[in-house]
Amino acid sequence: MRTIEYLKYIVEEIHSTVFATVDQEGRPVTCAIDLMDYDENGLYFLTAKGKNFYDRLKRNESIAFTAMKGNDTLSCVALSVQGRAKEIGPEMLPGLFAKNSYMEKIYPDEASRSGLTVFKICEGTGEWFDLSKHPIERAAFSFGGAQEKASGYFVTGKCIGCKLCYSKCSQKCIDITKKPVVIEQEHCLHCGNCFEICPTRAVERR
């Protein structure tokens, strides 16, 4: 999928997420936040200026969140994003309330909305993880100029083609027809079994 499709899925299919921010002592704090809109460059949410959440965002723009959809673990799609959230002010409030009409029950009139402000996650990297598929599906994406970082396990030229890694791979996502063998990153569980069993230490963790 394209990045904007991941952002759309977060907003329209999941919507409610668990955010992590950092308090004054550098300790992580989580809270439930609804993501209310998206575009090609980011995600939008609102909060009240009187909340501790607002204070944490203003002290440190770094955020991370996880969003999940599914009836149980094996039907679950999870998306995780980490990046930077910037306050953009109240101008988008009417549009966000129009798209998220349930907010009118929380803030029913203009007076009650006077302390609200909008934040944009203006850059970030993310990961899609789908446990409903077998083998599992994993994909990375980025937006707002953030750079994707390759992570996981990769096989180097030290590989001798012994196939022990394949024997321990729960997803059988290693192409053993090649030498060095190739880990199919889009299906890798990141369990590390291949790394642990490789006799020549040909598998690297990045």
Protein backbone atom coordinates (compact mmCIF):
# COMPACT_ATOMS: atom_id res chain seq x y z
CA MET A 1 0.00 0.00 0.00
CA ARG A 2 0.97 3.63 -0.41
CA THR A 3 1.67 5.73 2.67
CA ILE A 4 -1.61 7.65 2.40
CA GLU A 5 -3.50 4.34 2.45
CA TYR A 6 -1.89 3.45 5.79
CA LEU A 7 -2.81 6.88 7.17
CA LYS A 8 -6.38 6.49 5.88
CA TYR A 9 -6.62 3.05 7.51
CA ILE A 10 -5.50 4.48 10.85
CA VAL A 11 -8.10 7.27 10.77
CA GLU A 12 -11.06 5.52 9.17
CA GLU A 13 -10.69 1.88 10.18
CA ILE A 14 -9.13 2.17 13.65
CA HIS A 15 -9.44 5.80 14.78
CA SER A 16 -8.75 5.34 18.52
CA THR A 17 -5.08 4.85 19.37
CA VAL A 18 -2.79 4.65 22.39
CA PHE A 19 -0.26 7.52 22.43
CA ALA A 20 3.01 7.67 24.31
CA THR A 21 4.58 10.98 25.28
CA VAL A 22 7.25 11.92 27.80
CA ASP A 23 6.72 13.73 31.12
CA GLN A 24 9.01 16.23 32.86
CA GLU A 25 11.08 13.44 34.42
CA GLY A 26 11.56 11.70 31.08
CA ARG A 27 9.12 8.90 31.92
CA PRO A 28 6.74 7.57 29.25
CA VAL A 29 3.05 8.34 29.70
CA THR A 30 0.26 6.81 27.62
CA CYS A 31 -3.23 8.04 26.82
CA ALA A 32 -6.05 7.27 24.39
CA ILE A 33 -6.22 9.68 21.44
CA ASP A 34 -8.54 9.70 18.43
CA LEU A 35 -6.90 10.45 15.11
CA MET A 36 -9.45 12.55 13.27
CA ASP A 37 -8.12 13.32 9.81
CA TYR A 38 -5.20 12.73 7.47
CA ASP A 39 -3.58 13.96 4.28
CA GLU A 40 -0.50 13.03 2.30
CA ASN A 41 1.74 14.76 4.83
CA GLY A 42 0.41 13.61 8.18
CA LEU A 43 -2.29 12.91 10.74
CA TYR A 44 -4.44 15.30 12.79
CA PHE A 45 -5.84 15.18 16.32
CA LEU A 46 -7.09 17.68 18.86
CA THR A 47 -6.75 18.21 22.58
CA ALA A 48 -7.54 20.83 25.21
CA LYS A 49 -4.86 23.26 26.35
CA GLY A 50 -5.68 22.52 29.99
CA LYS A 51 -4.67 18.86 29.74
CA ASN A 52 -1.39 17.40 30.90
CA PHE A 53 -1.19 15.77 27.47
CA TYR A 54 -1.00 19.25 25.91
CA ASP A 55 1.80 20.25 28.27
CA ARG A 56 3.79 17.13 27.41
CA LEU A 57 3.40 17.78 23.67
CA LYS A 58 4.58 21.36 24.04
CA ARG A 59 7.66 20.35 26.04
CA ASN A 60 8.59 17.52 23.70
CA GLU A 61 7.17 17.05 20.20
CA SER A 62 8.23 13.40 20.02
CA ILE A 63 5.31 10.96 20.03
CA ALA A 64 4.62 7.31 19.37
CA PHE A 65 1.33 5.49 19.06
CA THR A 66 -0.06 2.04 18.38
CA ALA A 67 -3.40 1.29 16.75
CA MET A 68 -4.97 -2.15 16.47
CA LYS A 69 -8.00 -3.69 14.78
CA GLY A 70 -9.24 -7.27 15.12
CA ASN A 71 -11.36 -9.58 17.21
CA ASP A 72 -8.38 -11.46 18.64
CA THR A 73 -4.63 -11.81 18.22
CA LEU A 74 -4.78 -13.94 15.09
CA SER A 75 -7.18 -11.59 13.31
CA CYS A 76 -5.31 -8.46 14.31
CA VAL A 77 -3.83 -5.70 12.20
CA ALA A 78 -1.52 -3.38 14.12
CA LEU A 79 0.07 -0.11 13.07
CA SER A 80 2.76 1.68 15.02
CA VAL A 81 4.00 5.19 14.30
CA GLN A 82 6.71 7.31 15.84
CA GLY A 83 7.42 10.87 14.91
CA ARG A 84 6.85 14.51 15.77
CA ALA A 85 3.60 16.35 16.56
CA LYS A 86 3.32 20.11 16.10
CA GLU A 87 0.54 22.43 17.25
CA ILE A 88 -1.16 24.13 14.31
CA GLY A 89 -3.91 25.93 16.21
CA PRO A 90 -7.73 25.93 16.18
CA GLU A 91 -8.41 26.77 12.51
CA MET A 92 -9.14 23.14 11.57
CA LEU A 93 -11.57 22.56 14.46
CA PRO A 94 -14.79 23.10 12.43
CA GLY A 95 -13.66 20.59 9.82
CA LEU A 96 -12.62 18.03 12.42
CA PHE A 97 -15.94 18.37 14.25
CA ALA A 98 -17.78 17.95 10.94
CA LYS A 99 -15.91 14.73 10.22
CA ASN A 100 -16.14 13.49 13.81
CA SER A 101 -19.63 14.48 14.88
CA TYR A 102 -19.48 12.53 18.16
CA MET A 103 -17.18 15.28 19.45
CA GLU A 104 -20.22 17.56 19.67
CA LYS A 105 -21.47 15.46 22.59
CA ILE A 106 -18.22 16.12 24.45
CA TYR A 107 -17.85 19.78 23.50
CA PRO A 108 -21.44 20.86 22.61
CA ASP A 109 -20.96 24.58 21.97
CA GLU A 110 -18.43 27.20 20.96
CA ALA A 111 -17.75 28.21 24.56
CA SER A 112 -16.76 24.66 25.53
CA ARG A 113 -14.49 24.44 22.48
CA SER A 114 -12.58 27.60 23.22
CA GLY A 115 -9.69 25.76 24.84
CA LEU A 116 -9.25 23.21 22.05
CA THR A 117 -6.36 23.18 19.62
CA VAL A 118 -5.23 20.94 16.78
CA PHE A 119 -1.96 19.08 16.41
CA LYS A 120 -0.49 17.58 13.30
CA ILE A 121 1.85 14.60 13.26
CA CYS A 122 3.94 16.29 10.63
CA GLU A 123 6.61 13.65 10.15
CA GLY A 124 6.90 10.05 11.12
CA THR A 125 7.84 6.50 10.33
CA GLY A 126 5.47 3.60 10.72
CA GLU A 127 5.04 -0.13 10.53
CA TRP A 128 2.12 -2.27 9.39
CA PHE A 129 1.87 -5.71 11.00
CA ASP A 130 -0.88 -8.12 9.92
CA LEU A 131 -1.20 -11.31 11.95
CA SER A 132 -4.34 -12.38 10.10
CA LYS A 133 -2.19 -13.48 7.15
CA HIS A 134 0.08 -16.51 6.98
CA PRO A 135 2.87 -15.88 6.64
CA ILE A 136 2.40 -12.64 8.48
CA GLU A 137 2.65 -9.37 6.57
CA ARG A 138 4.94 -6.53 7.60
CA ALA A 139 5.59 -3.24 5.83
CA ALA A 140 7.26 0.06 6.65
CA PHE A 141 6.19 3.54 5.59
CA SER A 142 7.11 7.16 6.23
CA PHE A 143 5.66 10.63 5.72
CA GLY A 144 6.50 14.30 6.11
CA GLY A 145 10.10 13.85 5.00
CA ALA A 146 11.03 11.29 7.65
CA GLN A 147 13.37 8.56 6.43
CA GLU A 148 12.48 4.88 6.73
CA LYS A 149 15.06 2.82 8.59
CA ALA A 150 15.73 -0.76 7.60
CA SER A 151 15.29 -3.03 10.58
CA GLY A 152 15.17 -6.76 11.14
CA TYR A 153 17.47 -9.60 10.18
CA PHE A 154 19.58 -9.77 7.03
CA VAL A 155 21.88 -12.50 5.66
CA THR A 156 25.44 -11.65 4.64
CA GLY A 157 27.98 -13.36 2.40
CA LYS A 158 29.13 -15.56 5.29
CA CYS A 159 26.14 -17.84 4.53
CA ILE A 160 27.18 -21.43 3.70
CA GLY A 161 23.71 -22.55 2.60
CA CYS A 162 23.16 -25.00 5.47
CA LYS A 163 19.45 -24.09 5.71
CA LEU A 164 19.40 -24.33 9.51
CA CYS A 165 17.81 -20.89 9.60
CA TYR A 166 14.87 -22.14 7.54
CA SER A 167 14.35 -25.06 9.92
CA LYS A 168 13.82 -22.60 12.80
CA CYS A 169 11.78 -19.99 10.92
CA SER A 170 8.18 -20.05 12.13
CA GLN A 171 6.94 -18.22 9.02
CA LYS A 172 9.11 -20.13 6.52
CA CYS A 173 9.94 -16.79 4.97
CA ILE A 174 13.54 -17.53 3.99
CA ASP A 175 14.32 -18.18 0.32
CA ILE A 176 16.76 -21.08 0.49
CA THR A 177 17.04 -21.40 -3.32
CA LYS A 178 19.64 -18.62 -3.21
CA LYS A 179 23.05 -18.34 -1.61
CA PRO A 180 23.28 -16.37 0.54
CA VAL A 181 19.73 -17.22 1.51
CA VAL A 182 17.31 -14.28 1.54
CA ILE A 183 14.94 -13.36 4.36
CA GLU A 184 11.64 -12.09 2.95
CA GLN A 185 11.32 -8.96 5.02
CA GLU A 186 7.62 -8.48 4.26
CA HIS A 187 6.84 -11.73 6.10
CA CYS A 188 9.50 -11.78 8.84
CA LEU A 189 8.32 -12.02 12.45
CA HIS A 190 11.62 -10.58 13.78
CA CYS A 191 11.84 -13.47 16.26
CA GLY A 192 15.62 -13.84 15.87
CA ASN A 193 15.66 -17.65 15.53
CA CYS A 194 17.74 -17.45 12.34
CA PHE A 195 20.26 -15.21 14.09
CA GLU A 196 20.61 -17.58 17.03
CA ILE A 197 21.06 -20.79 15.03
CA CYS A 198 23.36 -19.61 12.23
CA PRO A 199 26.70 -21.45 12.66
CA THR A 200 28.72 -18.86 10.72
CA ARG A 201 27.04 -15.77 12.20
CA ALA A 202 25.95 -14.82 8.70
CA VAL A 203 22.70 -13.26 9.96
CA GLU A 204 22.91 -9.65 11.08
CA ARG A 205 20.40 -7.74 13.14
CA ARG A 206 19.85 -4.16 12.01
